[in-house]
Amino acid sequence: MGIFDRFKKQDPAPETSSAPETECKPFGPNVLEIAKLISSGDETVLKDVTACTEDPAGWFTAHQNRYGERGVDSASDPDLIQWLGLVDILEEHGWVCERDWKDELEDFSYFVQNLHGFQKLGLELNPDWLDEDEDISAWCDVLTEKWAAQGVRIATIGIDSDSYVLFPVSVPQFDELQRLAGEIGQCID
């Protein structure tokens, strides 16, 4: 062994870890599965989300005004284009509502009650449950508590904004949505 042999780069010994390897999931399939769960398989939603995930740059070009309203001026981040496209498509078809953090109770109640999922799940929203001096976060906590007996909660899709993208969801679907979003570095709370 030569004097410099000990400085040669050696192949590291294989690590033995009991932790499972985290694999990077393809973004589009998870987005499509999230759309399917939130929209109860709405074919129009799935068609649009498929178009968005298969060609994010083309979707961006066709919907540039909407992205511009969100401050996105290029298709350089296809994952962002798909995630925001998902939200816009679900909102356009009545499955989610995007509400400003300082929303008024009357508007919040109106938009939540008119979501397809609200009607499909047979939910009730009694105005007396909610205090108009509170905010969306507090109202969502109350609704989640009130709907717990039905196995339903209100959830939000994270879009790195000061608005809330809201939708009602069954607890088992909520767990699956969180898993799917987490696999692609996104958040559903």
Protein backbone atom coordinates (compact mmCIF):
# COMPACT_ATOMS: atom_id res chain seq x y z
CA MET A 1 0.00 0.00 0.00
CA GLY A 2 1.40 3.36 -1.08
CA ILE A 3 1.60 6.39 1.16
CA PHE A 4 -1.35 8.14 -0.62
CA ASP A 5 -3.57 5.06 -0.98
CA ARG A 6 -5.41 5.86 2.22
CA PHE A 7 -6.56 9.18 0.70
CA LYS A 8 -8.18 7.56 -2.33
CA LYS A 9 -11.93 7.90 -2.46
CA GLN A 10 -13.42 4.71 -1.19
CA ASP A 11 -16.87 3.40 -1.99
CA PRO A 12 -18.96 3.90 1.10
CA ALA A 13 -20.15 0.80 2.85
CA PRO A 14 -23.81 0.12 2.23
CA GLU A 15 -25.91 1.60 4.96
CA THR A 16 -28.19 -0.63 6.88
CA SER A 17 -31.23 1.34 7.83
CA SER A 18 -34.59 0.16 9.00
CA ALA A 19 -36.25 3.32 7.62
CA PRO A 20 -38.02 2.81 4.29
CA GLU A 21 -36.59 4.67 1.33
CA THR A 22 -38.57 7.72 0.33
CA GLU A 23 -39.13 7.66 -3.37
CA CYS A 24 -40.01 10.70 -5.39
CA LYS A 25 -43.50 10.22 -6.73
CA PRO A 26 -44.51 11.55 -10.13
CA PHE A 27 -46.50 14.74 -9.56
CA GLY A 28 -49.28 14.39 -12.14
CA PRO A 29 -50.74 11.00 -11.08
CA ASN A 30 -51.12 12.19 -7.49
CA VAL A 31 -52.77 15.42 -8.62
CA LEU A 32 -55.21 13.41 -10.72
CA GLU A 33 -55.98 11.06 -7.82
CA ILE A 34 -56.54 14.04 -5.50
CA ALA A 35 -58.94 15.53 -8.07
CA LYS A 36 -60.77 12.21 -8.31
CA LEU A 37 -61.25 11.97 -4.54
CA ILE A 38 -62.34 15.58 -4.00
CA SER A 39 -64.70 15.62 -6.98
CA SER A 40 -66.17 12.14 -6.47
CA GLY A 41 -64.86 11.20 -9.89
CA ASP A 42 -66.47 14.10 -11.77
CA GLU A 43 -65.60 13.31 -15.40
CA THR A 44 -65.33 16.94 -16.48
CA VAL A 45 -62.94 17.69 -13.63
CA LEU A 46 -60.83 14.63 -14.41
CA LYS A 47 -60.69 15.52 -18.11
CA ASP A 48 -59.42 19.03 -17.32
CA VAL A 49 -56.96 17.87 -14.65
CA THR A 50 -55.61 15.24 -17.05
CA ALA A 51 -55.06 17.93 -19.68
CA CYS A 52 -53.30 20.11 -17.10
CA THR A 53 -51.03 17.34 -15.81
CA GLU A 54 -50.16 15.95 -19.24
CA ASP A 55 -49.20 19.35 -20.67
CA PRO A 56 -48.60 21.92 -17.91
CA ALA A 57 -46.99 24.43 -20.29
CA GLY A 58 -49.93 24.22 -22.70
CA TRP A 59 -52.42 24.48 -19.83
CA PHE A 60 -50.57 27.54 -18.52
CA THR A 61 -50.68 29.20 -21.95
CA ALA A 62 -54.41 28.51 -22.31
CA HIS A 63 -55.15 29.85 -18.80
CA GLN A 64 -52.48 32.52 -18.49
CA ASN A 65 -54.87 35.17 -17.13
CA ARG A 66 -55.84 32.98 -14.17
CA TYR A 67 -52.19 32.24 -13.37
CA GLY A 68 -51.39 35.94 -13.76
CA GLU A 69 -53.99 36.73 -11.08
CA ARG A 70 -52.00 34.45 -8.78
CA GLY A 71 -48.70 36.14 -9.64
CA VAL A 72 -47.40 33.27 -11.77
CA ASP A 73 -46.01 34.68 -15.01
CA SER A 74 -44.31 31.64 -16.56
CA ALA A 75 -44.69 27.90 -16.88
CA SER A 76 -41.17 27.31 -15.58
CA ASP A 77 -42.45 25.28 -12.59
CA PRO A 78 -44.70 22.53 -14.00
CA ASP A 79 -45.53 21.22 -10.51
CA LEU A 80 -46.84 24.64 -9.47
CA ILE A 81 -48.83 24.92 -12.71
CA GLN A 82 -50.45 21.54 -12.01
CA TRP A 83 -51.19 22.26 -8.33
CA LEU A 84 -52.75 25.66 -8.99
CA GLY A 85 -54.51 24.22 -12.04
CA LEU A 86 -56.04 21.54 -9.79
CA VAL A 87 -57.39 24.22 -7.45
CA ASP A 88 -58.76 26.35 -10.28
CA ILE A 89 -60.45 23.38 -11.95
CA LEU A 90 -62.02 22.15 -8.70
CA GLU A 91 -63.24 25.67 -7.94
CA GLU A 92 -64.61 26.23 -11.43
CA HIS A 93 -66.70 23.05 -11.11
CA GLY A 94 -67.96 23.77 -7.58
CA TRP A 95 -65.95 21.24 -5.54
CA VAL A 96 -63.82 23.77 -3.60
CA CYS A 97 -64.14 27.44 -2.77
CA GLU A 98 -61.25 29.83 -2.33
CA ARG A 99 -61.94 32.36 0.38
CA ASP A 100 -59.85 35.30 1.55
CA TRP A 101 -58.53 35.06 5.12
CA LYS A 102 -60.66 38.07 6.10
CA ASP A 103 -63.88 36.68 4.62
CA GLU A 104 -67.22 37.69 6.11
CA LEU A 105 -69.23 34.95 7.80
CA GLU A 106 -72.18 35.37 5.44
CA ASP A 107 -69.96 34.87 2.37
CA PHE A 108 -68.08 31.97 3.94
CA SER A 109 -71.35 30.21 4.79
CA TYR A 110 -72.83 30.82 1.36
CA PHE A 111 -69.84 29.43 -0.56
CA VAL A 112 -69.31 26.40 1.70
CA GLN A 113 -73.01 25.45 1.55
CA ASN A 114 -72.99 25.62 -2.25
CA LEU A 115 -70.13 23.18 -2.73
CA HIS A 116 -71.07 19.91 -4.42
CA GLY A 117 -69.42 17.94 -1.62
CA PHE A 118 -71.51 19.75 1.01
CA GLN A 119 -74.68 18.71 -0.75
CA LYS A 120 -73.44 15.20 -1.61
CA LEU A 121 -72.47 14.53 2.02
CA GLY A 122 -75.85 15.83 3.28
CA LEU A 123 -74.28 18.39 5.60
CA GLU A 124 -75.90 21.15 7.61
CA LEU A 125 -74.43 24.54 8.41
CA ASN A 126 -76.45 26.32 11.06
CA PRO A 127 -75.50 30.03 11.15
CA ASP A 128 -75.95 30.02 14.94
CA TRP A 129 -72.95 27.69 15.25
CA LEU A 130 -70.54 30.37 14.02
CA ASP A 131 -69.51 33.66 15.61
CA GLU A 132 -69.21 36.45 13.05
CA ASP A 133 -66.40 38.02 15.13
CA GLU A 134 -64.22 34.93 14.55
CA ASP A 135 -62.32 34.01 11.38
CA ILE A 136 -62.22 31.21 8.81
CA SER A 137 -59.88 29.10 10.90
CA ALA A 138 -62.25 29.20 13.88
CA TRP A 139 -65.30 28.56 11.68
CA CYS A 140 -63.62 25.53 10.12
CA ASP A 141 -62.81 24.16 13.59
CA VAL A 142 -66.47 24.51 14.58
CA LEU A 143 -67.70 22.81 11.40
CA THR A 144 -65.23 19.96 11.80
CA GLU A 145 -66.49 19.49 15.37
CA LYS A 146 -70.16 19.65 14.31
CA TRP A 147 -69.67 17.23 11.40
CA ALA A 148 -67.51 14.76 13.35
CA ALA A 149 -70.49 12.50 14.11
CA GLN A 150 -70.99 12.14 10.34
CA GLY A 151 -67.31 11.31 9.83
CA VAL A 152 -66.76 14.54 7.89
CA ARG A 153 -64.41 17.47 8.32
CA ILE A 154 -63.63 20.63 6.41
CA ALA A 155 -60.22 20.66 4.76
CA THR A 156 -58.06 23.12 2.89
CA ILE A 157 -55.62 22.78 0.01
CA GLY A 158 -52.39 24.65 0.70
CA ILE A 159 -51.42 27.06 -2.07
CA ASP A 160 -48.92 29.28 -0.23
CA SER A 161 -51.36 32.16 -0.06
CA ASP A 162 -53.36 34.11 2.50
CA SER A 163 -56.55 32.53 1.19
CA TYR A 164 -58.17 29.23 2.09
CA VAL A 165 -59.17 26.63 -0.52
CA LEU A 166 -61.97 24.83 1.36
CA PHE A 167 -63.94 21.64 0.84
CA PRO A 168 -65.78 19.11 3.02
CA VAL A 169 -64.40 15.58 3.04
CA SER A 170 -64.93 12.27 4.82
CA VAL A 171 -62.23 11.46 7.36
CA PRO A 172 -60.93 8.36 5.50
CA GLN A 173 -60.65 10.37 2.27
CA PHE A 174 -58.97 13.20 4.17
CA ASP A 175 -56.24 10.81 5.37
CA GLU A 176 -55.71 9.57 1.80
CA LEU A 177 -55.63 13.13 0.44
CA GLN A 178 -53.01 14.12 3.00
CA ARG A 179 -50.89 11.11 2.04
CA LEU A 180 -51.15 11.83 -1.70
CA ALA A 181 -50.35 15.53 -1.24
CA GLY A 182 -47.44 14.77 1.11
CA GLU A 183 -45.87 12.40 -1.40
CA ILE A 184 -45.47 15.29 -3.83
CA GLY A 185 -44.46 17.91 -1.29
CA GLN A 186 -47.86 19.59 -1.06
CA CYS A 187 -50.27 20.09 1.81
CA ILE A 188 -53.91 19.34 2.47
CA ASP A 189 -54.91 20.19 6.06
